[in-house]
N, C-alpha and C. Protein backbone atom coordinates (compact mmCIF):
# COMPACT_ATOMS: atom_id res chain seq x y z
N UNK A 1 -5.23 -51.50 52.92
CA UNK A 1 -5.28 -52.28 51.69
C UNK A 1 -6.64 -52.47 51.29
N UNK A 2 -6.98 -52.12 50.13
CA UNK A 2 -8.42 -52.35 49.52
C UNK A 2 -8.32 -53.34 48.45
N UNK A 3 -9.23 -54.32 48.71
CA UNK A 3 -9.22 -55.49 47.71
C UNK A 3 -10.66 -55.52 47.21
N UNK A 4 -10.77 -55.87 45.90
CA UNK A 4 -12.04 -56.09 45.34
C UNK A 4 -12.04 -57.39 44.41
N UNK A 5 -13.09 -57.99 44.30
CA UNK A 5 -13.15 -59.29 43.53
C UNK A 5 -13.60 -58.80 42.08
N UNK A 6 -12.94 -59.51 41.11
CA UNK A 6 -13.29 -59.08 39.70
C UNK A 6 -13.45 -60.45 38.99
N UNK A 7 -14.84 -60.52 38.55
CA UNK A 7 -15.31 -61.68 37.95
C UNK A 7 -15.11 -61.45 36.46
N UNK A 8 -14.15 -62.07 35.84
CA UNK A 8 -13.86 -61.82 34.39
C UNK A 8 -15.03 -61.92 33.47
N UNK A 9 -15.14 -60.99 32.69
CA UNK A 9 -16.25 -61.02 31.67
C UNK A 9 -17.62 -61.18 32.24
N UNK A 10 -17.85 -60.39 33.35
CA UNK A 10 -19.12 -60.43 33.93
C UNK A 10 -20.27 -60.06 32.96
N UNK A 11 -20.04 -59.36 32.11
CA UNK A 11 -21.11 -58.87 31.19
C UNK A 11 -21.47 -60.06 30.38
N UNK A 12 -20.58 -60.79 29.88
CA UNK A 12 -20.78 -62.08 29.02
C UNK A 12 -21.57 -63.12 29.91
N UNK A 13 -21.05 -63.26 31.18
CA UNK A 13 -21.68 -64.22 31.96
C UNK A 13 -23.11 -63.99 32.33
N UNK A 14 -23.41 -62.63 32.64
CA UNK A 14 -24.64 -62.28 32.95
C UNK A 14 -25.61 -62.33 31.73
N UNK A 15 -25.17 -61.96 30.57
CA UNK A 15 -25.89 -62.03 29.35
C UNK A 15 -26.21 -63.46 28.99
N UNK A 16 -25.24 -64.33 29.21
CA UNK A 16 -25.51 -65.75 28.96
C UNK A 16 -26.57 -66.31 29.91
N UNK A 17 -26.54 -65.87 31.15
CA UNK A 17 -27.56 -66.34 32.10
C UNK A 17 -28.95 -65.69 31.66
N UNK A 18 -28.96 -64.40 31.23
CA UNK A 18 -30.26 -63.76 30.95
C UNK A 18 -30.90 -64.36 29.77
N UNK A 19 -30.02 -64.78 28.82
CA UNK A 19 -30.49 -65.30 27.51
C UNK A 19 -30.73 -66.92 27.60
N UNK A 20 -30.24 -67.41 28.71
CA UNK A 20 -30.28 -68.89 28.69
C UNK A 20 -29.44 -69.43 27.65
N UNK A 21 -28.38 -68.90 27.43
CA UNK A 21 -27.44 -69.35 26.32
C UNK A 21 -26.61 -70.59 26.85
N UNK A 22 -27.09 -71.72 26.46
CA UNK A 22 -26.38 -72.99 27.00
C UNK A 22 -24.91 -72.94 26.79
N UNK A 23 -24.38 -72.45 25.69
CA UNK A 23 -22.95 -72.52 25.43
C UNK A 23 -22.12 -71.57 26.40
N UNK A 24 -22.62 -70.39 26.74
CA UNK A 24 -22.05 -69.50 27.64
C UNK A 24 -22.15 -70.16 29.07
N UNK A 25 -23.29 -70.51 29.45
CA UNK A 25 -23.52 -71.14 30.80
C UNK A 25 -22.61 -72.15 30.99
N UNK A 26 -22.38 -73.14 30.00
CA UNK A 26 -21.48 -74.29 30.04
C UNK A 26 -20.02 -73.88 30.09
N UNK A 27 -19.75 -72.85 29.49
CA UNK A 27 -18.35 -72.37 29.45
C UNK A 27 -17.71 -72.17 30.86
N UNK A 28 -18.70 -71.74 31.74
CA UNK A 28 -18.26 -71.35 33.17
C UNK A 28 -18.66 -72.42 34.23
N UNK A 29 -19.37 -73.43 33.71
CA UNK A 29 -19.91 -74.36 34.78
C UNK A 29 -19.04 -75.55 34.88
N UNK A 30 -18.21 -75.79 36.04
CA UNK A 30 -17.36 -76.86 36.14
C UNK A 30 -18.01 -78.25 36.20
N UNK A 31 -19.35 -78.33 36.50
CA UNK A 31 -20.01 -79.49 36.56
C UNK A 31 -20.24 -80.18 35.25
N UNK A 32 -20.08 -79.38 34.14
CA UNK A 32 -20.26 -79.87 32.86
C UNK A 32 -19.04 -79.71 31.91
N UNK A 33 -17.76 -79.52 32.70
CA UNK A 33 -16.62 -79.48 31.95
C UNK A 33 -16.12 -78.00 31.76
N UNK A 34 -16.89 -76.94 32.17
CA UNK A 34 -16.55 -75.65 31.99
C UNK A 34 -15.49 -75.31 33.08
N UNK A 35 -14.84 -74.07 32.85
CA UNK A 35 -13.87 -73.64 33.84
C UNK A 35 -14.17 -72.24 34.03
N UNK A 36 -14.43 -71.97 35.50
CA UNK A 36 -14.60 -70.64 36.00
C UNK A 36 -13.52 -69.53 35.59
N UNK A 37 -12.38 -70.09 35.56
CA UNK A 37 -11.10 -69.20 35.32
C UNK A 37 -10.71 -69.22 34.02
N UNK A 38 -11.37 -69.87 32.98
CA UNK A 38 -10.93 -69.86 31.70
C UNK A 38 -11.21 -68.40 30.99
N UNK A 39 -10.40 -68.07 30.06
CA UNK A 39 -10.63 -66.65 29.46
C UNK A 39 -11.75 -67.02 28.45
N UNK A 40 -12.89 -66.29 28.68
CA UNK A 40 -14.02 -66.43 27.89
C UNK A 40 -13.87 -66.04 26.50
N UNK A 41 -13.02 -65.19 26.16
CA UNK A 41 -12.80 -64.72 24.79
C UNK A 41 -12.11 -65.67 23.99
N UNK A 42 -11.04 -66.43 24.65
CA UNK A 42 -10.41 -67.49 23.95
C UNK A 42 -11.27 -68.71 23.76
N UNK A 43 -12.12 -69.02 24.79
CA UNK A 43 -12.99 -70.07 24.61
C UNK A 43 -14.02 -69.83 23.56
N UNK A 44 -14.60 -68.57 23.73
CA UNK A 44 -15.58 -68.16 22.73
C UNK A 44 -15.10 -68.13 21.25
N UNK A 45 -13.91 -67.81 21.10
CA UNK A 45 -13.39 -67.74 19.71
C UNK A 45 -13.23 -69.11 19.16
N UNK A 46 -12.84 -70.10 20.06
CA UNK A 46 -12.79 -71.52 19.68
C UNK A 46 -14.18 -72.05 19.31
N UNK A 47 -15.22 -71.66 20.12
CA UNK A 47 -16.48 -72.06 19.88
C UNK A 47 -17.09 -71.59 18.61
N UNK A 48 -16.65 -70.38 18.29
CA UNK A 48 -17.14 -69.92 16.89
C UNK A 48 -16.40 -70.25 15.73
N UNK A 49 -15.04 -70.49 15.84
CA UNK A 49 -14.29 -70.80 14.67
C UNK A 49 -13.63 -72.15 14.72
N UNK A 50 -13.44 -72.79 15.89
CA UNK A 50 -12.76 -73.95 15.99
C UNK A 50 -11.25 -73.69 16.24
N UNK A 51 -10.85 -72.45 16.20
CA UNK A 51 -9.39 -72.06 16.20
C UNK A 51 -9.07 -71.71 17.75
N UNK A 52 -8.03 -72.34 18.31
CA UNK A 52 -7.61 -72.11 19.64
C UNK A 52 -6.64 -70.79 19.59
N UNK A 53 -6.97 -69.78 20.52
CA UNK A 53 -6.07 -68.67 20.69
C UNK A 53 -5.84 -68.60 22.18
N UNK A 54 -4.76 -67.78 22.41
CA UNK A 54 -4.31 -67.35 23.81
C UNK A 54 -4.52 -66.03 24.11
N UNK A 55 -4.39 -65.70 25.46
CA UNK A 55 -4.51 -64.33 25.87
C UNK A 55 -3.58 -63.31 25.12
N UNK A 56 -2.49 -63.83 24.71
CA UNK A 56 -1.40 -62.99 24.04
C UNK A 56 -1.75 -62.92 22.53
N UNK A 57 -2.68 -63.68 21.96
CA UNK A 57 -2.89 -63.58 20.58
C UNK A 57 -3.64 -62.30 20.19
N UNK A 58 -3.13 -61.56 19.14
CA UNK A 58 -3.98 -60.26 18.78
C UNK A 58 -5.45 -60.63 18.56
N UNK A 59 -5.71 -61.72 17.95
CA UNK A 59 -7.10 -62.08 17.58
C UNK A 59 -8.07 -62.08 18.79
N UNK A 60 -7.53 -62.25 20.08
CA UNK A 60 -8.30 -62.17 21.19
C UNK A 60 -8.99 -60.82 21.31
N UNK A 61 -8.42 -59.83 20.83
CA UNK A 61 -9.07 -58.48 20.91
C UNK A 61 -10.27 -58.40 19.94
N UNK A 62 -10.11 -59.11 18.82
CA UNK A 62 -11.28 -59.27 18.00
C UNK A 62 -12.39 -60.05 18.71
N UNK A 63 -12.01 -61.19 19.39
CA UNK A 63 -13.00 -61.88 20.05
C UNK A 63 -13.68 -61.20 21.05
N UNK A 64 -12.86 -60.48 21.87
CA UNK A 64 -13.54 -59.60 22.97
C UNK A 64 -14.42 -58.61 22.41
N UNK A 65 -14.03 -57.89 21.39
CA UNK A 65 -14.91 -56.87 20.66
C UNK A 65 -16.26 -57.73 20.27
N UNK A 66 -16.01 -58.82 19.68
CA UNK A 66 -17.17 -59.63 19.05
C UNK A 66 -18.18 -59.95 20.27
N UNK A 67 -17.69 -60.43 21.33
CA UNK A 67 -18.59 -60.91 22.37
C UNK A 67 -19.27 -59.70 23.13
N UNK A 68 -18.62 -58.76 23.26
CA UNK A 68 -19.09 -57.58 24.04
C UNK A 68 -20.00 -56.66 23.17
N UNK A 69 -19.66 -56.71 21.85
CA UNK A 69 -20.54 -55.87 20.90
C UNK A 69 -21.67 -56.64 20.38
N UNK A 70 -21.45 -57.72 19.85
CA UNK A 70 -22.46 -58.59 19.15
C UNK A 70 -23.41 -59.17 20.15
N UNK A 71 -22.80 -59.38 21.31
CA UNK A 71 -23.73 -59.92 22.31
C UNK A 71 -25.00 -59.01 22.70
N UNK A 72 -24.80 -57.68 22.47
CA UNK A 72 -25.91 -56.72 22.60
C UNK A 72 -26.51 -56.34 21.26
N UNK A 73 -26.42 -57.25 20.31
CA UNK A 73 -27.17 -57.15 19.04
C UNK A 73 -26.64 -56.03 18.08
N UNK A 74 -25.30 -55.97 18.06
CA UNK A 74 -24.78 -54.92 17.15
C UNK A 74 -24.81 -55.48 15.73
N UNK A 75 -25.05 -54.54 14.80
CA UNK A 75 -25.18 -54.89 13.46
C UNK A 75 -23.84 -55.20 12.85
N UNK A 76 -23.84 -55.75 11.72
CA UNK A 76 -22.51 -56.15 11.01
C UNK A 76 -21.77 -54.72 10.63
N UNK A 77 -22.52 -53.72 10.26
CA UNK A 77 -21.78 -52.52 9.94
C UNK A 77 -21.40 -51.72 11.27
N UNK A 78 -22.02 -51.98 12.28
CA UNK A 78 -21.60 -51.41 13.61
C UNK A 78 -20.30 -52.17 14.09
N UNK A 79 -20.38 -53.41 13.66
CA UNK A 79 -19.13 -54.21 14.19
C UNK A 79 -17.93 -53.81 13.19
N UNK A 80 -18.09 -53.41 12.03
CA UNK A 80 -17.16 -53.02 11.09
C UNK A 80 -16.47 -51.73 11.70
N UNK A 81 -17.32 -50.86 12.43
CA UNK A 81 -16.74 -49.76 13.04
C UNK A 81 -15.86 -50.09 14.25
N UNK A 82 -16.29 -51.08 14.89
CA UNK A 82 -15.52 -51.61 16.07
C UNK A 82 -14.21 -52.13 15.60
N UNK A 83 -14.23 -52.89 14.39
CA UNK A 83 -12.98 -53.44 13.98
C UNK A 83 -12.12 -52.33 13.40
N UNK A 84 -12.61 -51.20 12.88
CA UNK A 84 -11.80 -50.03 12.54
C UNK A 84 -11.05 -49.56 13.82
N UNK A 85 -11.69 -49.42 14.93
CA UNK A 85 -11.20 -49.02 16.06
C UNK A 85 -10.04 -49.86 16.58
N UNK A 86 -10.32 -51.34 16.46
CA UNK A 86 -9.37 -52.25 16.96
C UNK A 86 -8.12 -52.12 16.24
N UNK A 87 -8.27 -52.03 14.87
CA UNK A 87 -7.16 -52.03 14.00
C UNK A 87 -6.32 -50.76 14.11
N UNK A 88 -6.86 -49.63 14.53
CA UNK A 88 -6.28 -48.31 14.75
C UNK A 88 -5.64 -48.30 16.15
N UNK A 89 -5.80 -49.17 17.03
CA UNK A 89 -5.24 -49.16 18.41
C UNK A 89 -3.97 -50.00 18.31
N UNK A 90 -2.82 -49.20 18.37
CA UNK A 90 -1.56 -50.08 18.31
C UNK A 90 -1.39 -50.99 19.47
N UNK A 91 -2.02 -50.87 20.63
CA UNK A 91 -1.96 -51.78 21.69
C UNK A 91 -2.68 -53.11 21.39
N UNK A 92 -3.61 -53.15 20.48
CA UNK A 92 -4.32 -54.48 20.14
C UNK A 92 -3.50 -55.35 19.37
N UNK A 93 -2.62 -54.79 18.57
CA UNK A 93 -1.67 -55.45 17.64
C UNK A 93 -2.47 -56.15 16.51
N UNK A 94 -3.72 -55.71 16.35
CA UNK A 94 -4.56 -56.30 15.22
C UNK A 94 -4.47 -55.33 14.03
N UNK A 95 -4.08 -55.85 12.89
CA UNK A 95 -4.01 -55.18 11.71
C UNK A 95 -4.96 -55.63 10.64
N UNK A 96 -5.06 -54.91 9.56
CA UNK A 96 -5.85 -55.42 8.48
C UNK A 96 -5.20 -56.77 7.93
N UNK A 97 -3.92 -56.84 8.01
CA UNK A 97 -3.10 -58.02 7.72
C UNK A 97 -3.57 -59.18 8.55
N UNK A 98 -3.77 -58.94 9.84
CA UNK A 98 -4.16 -59.94 10.76
C UNK A 98 -5.55 -60.44 10.32
N UNK A 99 -6.46 -59.55 10.01
CA UNK A 99 -7.77 -59.84 9.63
C UNK A 99 -7.78 -60.55 8.29
N UNK A 100 -6.97 -60.22 7.37
CA UNK A 100 -6.85 -60.89 6.00
C UNK A 100 -6.39 -62.33 6.27
N UNK A 101 -5.36 -62.56 7.11
CA UNK A 101 -4.82 -63.93 7.34
C UNK A 101 -5.97 -64.75 7.91
N UNK A 102 -6.86 -64.17 8.85
CA UNK A 102 -7.95 -64.80 9.40
C UNK A 102 -8.88 -65.24 8.40
N UNK A 103 -9.30 -64.32 7.54
CA UNK A 103 -10.32 -64.57 6.50
C UNK A 103 -9.72 -65.71 5.63
N UNK A 104 -8.59 -65.66 5.29
CA UNK A 104 -8.00 -66.79 4.31
C UNK A 104 -7.90 -68.05 5.08
N UNK A 105 -7.44 -68.09 6.34
CA UNK A 105 -7.43 -69.29 7.04
C UNK A 105 -8.79 -69.99 7.26
N UNK A 106 -9.78 -69.27 7.60
CA UNK A 106 -11.08 -69.57 7.84
C UNK A 106 -12.04 -69.77 6.63
N UNK A 107 -11.36 -69.39 5.45
CA UNK A 107 -12.11 -69.51 4.18
C UNK A 107 -13.45 -68.73 4.21
N UNK A 108 -13.54 -67.50 4.68
CA UNK A 108 -14.69 -66.76 4.88
C UNK A 108 -15.09 -66.12 3.58
N UNK A 109 -16.35 -66.27 3.18
CA UNK A 109 -16.77 -65.67 1.94
C UNK A 109 -17.09 -64.08 2.00
N UNK A 110 -17.05 -63.58 0.90
CA UNK A 110 -17.43 -62.06 0.85
C UNK A 110 -19.01 -62.06 1.07
N UNK A 111 -19.39 -60.95 1.85
CA UNK A 111 -20.72 -60.78 2.06
C UNK A 111 -21.56 -60.62 0.83
N UNK A 112 -22.78 -60.79 0.81
CA UNK A 112 -23.65 -60.50 -0.37
C UNK A 112 -23.48 -59.08 -0.56
N UNK A 113 -23.84 -58.63 -1.96
CA UNK A 113 -23.65 -57.25 -2.33
C UNK A 113 -24.38 -56.28 -1.48
N UNK A 114 -25.64 -56.54 -1.23
CA UNK A 114 -26.34 -55.39 -0.33
C UNK A 114 -25.67 -55.25 0.94
N UNK A 115 -25.21 -56.31 1.64
CA UNK A 115 -24.47 -56.14 2.90
C UNK A 115 -23.13 -55.41 2.71
N UNK A 116 -22.46 -55.78 1.62
CA UNK A 116 -21.17 -55.07 1.46
C UNK A 116 -21.36 -53.61 1.19
N UNK A 117 -22.42 -53.37 0.48
CA UNK A 117 -22.83 -51.92 0.17
C UNK A 117 -23.06 -51.21 1.55
N UNK A 118 -23.94 -51.64 2.29
CA UNK A 118 -24.24 -51.00 3.55
C UNK A 118 -23.13 -50.84 4.46
N UNK A 119 -22.21 -51.82 4.60
CA UNK A 119 -21.14 -51.70 5.38
C UNK A 119 -20.22 -50.60 4.90
N UNK A 120 -19.86 -50.60 3.54
CA UNK A 120 -18.94 -49.68 2.90
C UNK A 120 -19.59 -48.29 3.01
N UNK A 121 -20.81 -48.16 2.73
CA UNK A 121 -21.45 -46.78 2.78
C UNK A 121 -21.45 -46.19 4.21
N UNK A 122 -21.69 -46.97 5.19
CA UNK A 122 -21.84 -46.45 6.56
C UNK A 122 -20.62 -46.32 7.21
N UNK A 123 -19.59 -47.05 6.79
CA UNK A 123 -18.30 -46.95 7.65
C UNK A 123 -17.05 -46.46 6.75
N UNK A 124 -17.18 -46.53 5.38
CA UNK A 124 -16.03 -46.18 4.66
C UNK A 124 -14.79 -47.15 4.81
N UNK A 125 -15.06 -48.38 5.32
CA UNK A 125 -13.95 -49.29 5.58
C UNK A 125 -13.57 -49.91 4.38
N UNK A 126 -12.29 -50.67 4.49
CA UNK A 126 -11.83 -51.53 3.42
C UNK A 126 -12.60 -52.81 3.14
N UNK A 127 -12.36 -53.54 2.02
CA UNK A 127 -13.12 -54.77 1.89
C UNK A 127 -12.72 -55.71 2.92
N UNK A 128 -11.49 -55.70 3.47
CA UNK A 128 -11.08 -56.78 4.38
C UNK A 128 -11.90 -56.57 5.72
N UNK A 129 -11.98 -55.27 6.18
CA UNK A 129 -12.74 -55.02 7.40
C UNK A 129 -14.31 -55.45 7.11
N UNK A 130 -14.82 -55.24 5.93
CA UNK A 130 -16.15 -55.49 5.62
C UNK A 130 -16.40 -57.05 5.60
N UNK A 131 -15.53 -57.77 5.03
CA UNK A 131 -15.51 -59.24 4.97
C UNK A 131 -15.49 -59.74 6.44
N UNK A 132 -14.44 -59.33 7.19
CA UNK A 132 -14.25 -59.80 8.56
C UNK A 132 -15.46 -59.54 9.38
N UNK A 133 -16.10 -58.33 9.39
CA UNK A 133 -17.10 -57.77 10.23
C UNK A 133 -18.34 -58.67 9.92
N UNK A 134 -18.57 -58.90 8.65
CA UNK A 134 -19.81 -59.66 8.14
C UNK A 134 -19.78 -61.07 8.58
N UNK A 135 -18.60 -61.71 8.44
CA UNK A 135 -18.37 -63.16 8.74
C UNK A 135 -18.37 -63.33 10.35
N UNK A 136 -17.65 -62.44 11.03
CA UNK A 136 -17.82 -62.55 12.45
C UNK A 136 -19.23 -62.50 13.02
N UNK A 137 -19.98 -61.40 12.50
CA UNK A 137 -21.36 -61.15 12.87
C UNK A 137 -22.18 -62.43 12.59
N UNK A 138 -21.94 -63.16 11.35
CA UNK A 138 -22.67 -64.22 10.94
C UNK A 138 -22.37 -65.44 11.82
N UNK A 139 -21.02 -65.73 12.17
CA UNK A 139 -20.78 -66.94 12.94
C UNK A 139 -21.13 -66.77 14.41
N UNK A 140 -20.94 -65.45 14.92
CA UNK A 140 -21.47 -65.19 16.28
C UNK A 140 -22.96 -65.62 16.52
N UNK A 141 -23.75 -65.09 15.53
CA UNK A 141 -25.21 -65.25 15.62
C UNK A 141 -25.63 -66.80 15.46
N UNK A 142 -24.81 -67.50 14.71
CA UNK A 142 -25.09 -68.87 14.60
C UNK A 142 -24.66 -69.60 15.80
N UNK A 143 -23.43 -69.25 16.39
CA UNK A 143 -22.94 -69.89 17.59
C UNK A 143 -23.85 -69.59 18.78
N UNK A 144 -24.16 -68.37 18.97
CA UNK A 144 -24.92 -67.97 20.24
C UNK A 144 -26.27 -67.33 19.76
N UNK A 145 -27.10 -68.11 19.10
CA UNK A 145 -28.43 -67.66 18.66
C UNK A 145 -29.27 -67.27 19.66
N UNK A 146 -29.19 -67.65 20.89
CA UNK A 146 -29.85 -67.26 22.08
C UNK A 146 -29.81 -65.79 22.46
N UNK A 147 -28.69 -65.20 21.94
CA UNK A 147 -28.49 -63.80 22.37
C UNK A 147 -29.43 -62.90 21.71
N UNK A 148 -30.26 -63.37 20.74
CA UNK A 148 -31.28 -62.52 20.15
C UNK A 148 -32.34 -62.19 21.18
N UNK A 149 -32.31 -62.91 22.29
CA UNK A 149 -33.18 -62.66 23.40
C UNK A 149 -32.88 -61.42 24.04
N UNK A 150 -31.65 -60.95 23.90
CA UNK A 150 -31.20 -59.62 24.54
C UNK A 150 -32.15 -58.52 24.06
N UNK A 151 -32.50 -58.58 22.72
CA UNK A 151 -33.27 -57.42 22.20
C UNK A 151 -34.64 -57.45 22.84
N UNK A 152 -35.11 -58.77 22.91
CA UNK A 152 -36.49 -58.77 23.66
C UNK A 152 -36.51 -58.36 25.03
N UNK A 153 -35.32 -58.78 25.74
CA UNK A 153 -35.25 -58.27 27.28
C UNK A 153 -35.08 -56.80 27.37
N UNK A 154 -34.21 -56.20 26.38
CA UNK A 154 -34.12 -54.80 26.40
C UNK A 154 -35.55 -54.00 26.09
N UNK A 155 -36.28 -54.49 25.16
CA UNK A 155 -37.51 -53.82 24.91
C UNK A 155 -38.50 -53.97 26.08
N UNK A 156 -38.50 -55.10 26.81
CA UNK A 156 -39.38 -55.26 28.02
C UNK A 156 -38.83 -54.30 29.03
N UNK A 157 -37.56 -54.14 29.16
CA UNK A 157 -37.01 -53.08 30.18
C UNK A 157 -37.50 -51.75 29.79
N UNK A 158 -37.34 -51.37 28.50
CA UNK A 158 -37.76 -50.10 28.17
C UNK A 158 -39.22 -49.89 28.34
N UNK A 159 -40.09 -50.81 28.16
CA UNK A 159 -41.47 -50.77 28.36
C UNK A 159 -41.81 -50.50 29.86
N UNK A 160 -41.04 -51.21 30.71
CA UNK A 160 -41.29 -51.01 32.17
C UNK A 160 -40.86 -49.77 32.61
N UNK A 161 -39.74 -49.29 32.17
CA UNK A 161 -39.23 -47.98 32.59
C UNK A 161 -40.15 -46.87 31.93
N UNK A 162 -40.68 -47.02 30.77
CA UNK A 162 -41.52 -46.02 30.19
C UNK A 162 -42.85 -46.04 31.04
N UNK A 163 -43.35 -47.12 31.34
CA UNK A 163 -44.58 -47.10 32.18
C UNK A 163 -44.47 -46.49 33.57
N UNK A 164 -43.33 -46.60 34.08
CA UNK A 164 -43.01 -45.93 35.34
C UNK A 164 -42.95 -44.47 35.23
N UNK A 165 -42.28 -44.07 34.16
CA UNK A 165 -42.09 -42.70 33.88
C UNK A 165 -43.43 -41.96 33.61
N UNK A 166 -44.35 -42.70 32.98
CA UNK A 166 -45.68 -42.11 32.63
C UNK A 166 -46.44 -41.78 33.92
N UNK A 167 -46.25 -42.66 34.83
CA UNK A 167 -47.00 -42.58 36.15
C UNK A 167 -46.68 -41.24 36.84
N UNK A 168 -45.53 -40.73 36.83
CA UNK A 168 -44.95 -39.60 37.46
C UNK A 168 -45.68 -38.35 36.90
N UNK A 169 -46.15 -38.37 35.74
CA UNK A 169 -46.82 -37.15 35.25
C UNK A 169 -48.16 -37.14 35.15
N UNK A 170 -48.97 -38.00 35.77
CA UNK A 170 -50.36 -38.05 36.01
C UNK A 170 -50.87 -37.08 37.14
N UNK A 171 -51.99 -36.57 37.01
CA UNK A 171 -52.63 -35.74 38.03
C UNK A 171 -52.73 -36.56 39.43
N UNK A 172 -53.14 -37.70 39.34
CA UNK A 172 -53.41 -38.51 40.45
C UNK A 172 -52.20 -38.91 41.22
N UNK A 173 -52.19 -38.91 42.62
CA UNK A 173 -51.10 -39.13 43.40
C UNK A 173 -50.82 -40.64 43.38
């Protein structure tokens, strides 16, 4: 019998730790009311929107895509592409109708014209996808503003790797 431990949402947990994102760290810290076993995508959606969801709720797929994509500094038009894939996957049970209801319930505004134009031109998506992508991107970055540090961390990593790579090609041993 082979057994392995699986820490749910390990990417989100590690990213929260790397960026010192208080909200993510607290989400899993039982000493401050967090729960190691809580579904991070359900908890994260509530943190972003104030709306409680369950593991069976189709919007959980949107939340999961949000935290895993936007956590690594994905753009709004990049997230629109993700939402197109989520809506085209019958297993996700997320449709444009699901997104439209979410937009109306949460009273999300249309994105500014330049943002809409960029999203439409780069993805060819519907207005519903564009509005959902832009607003989810906006509220994610407001809720987890520390995640901007991921970009800084990735740049430092690339610099370190690049400097190691350059050393291999010098004449000196």
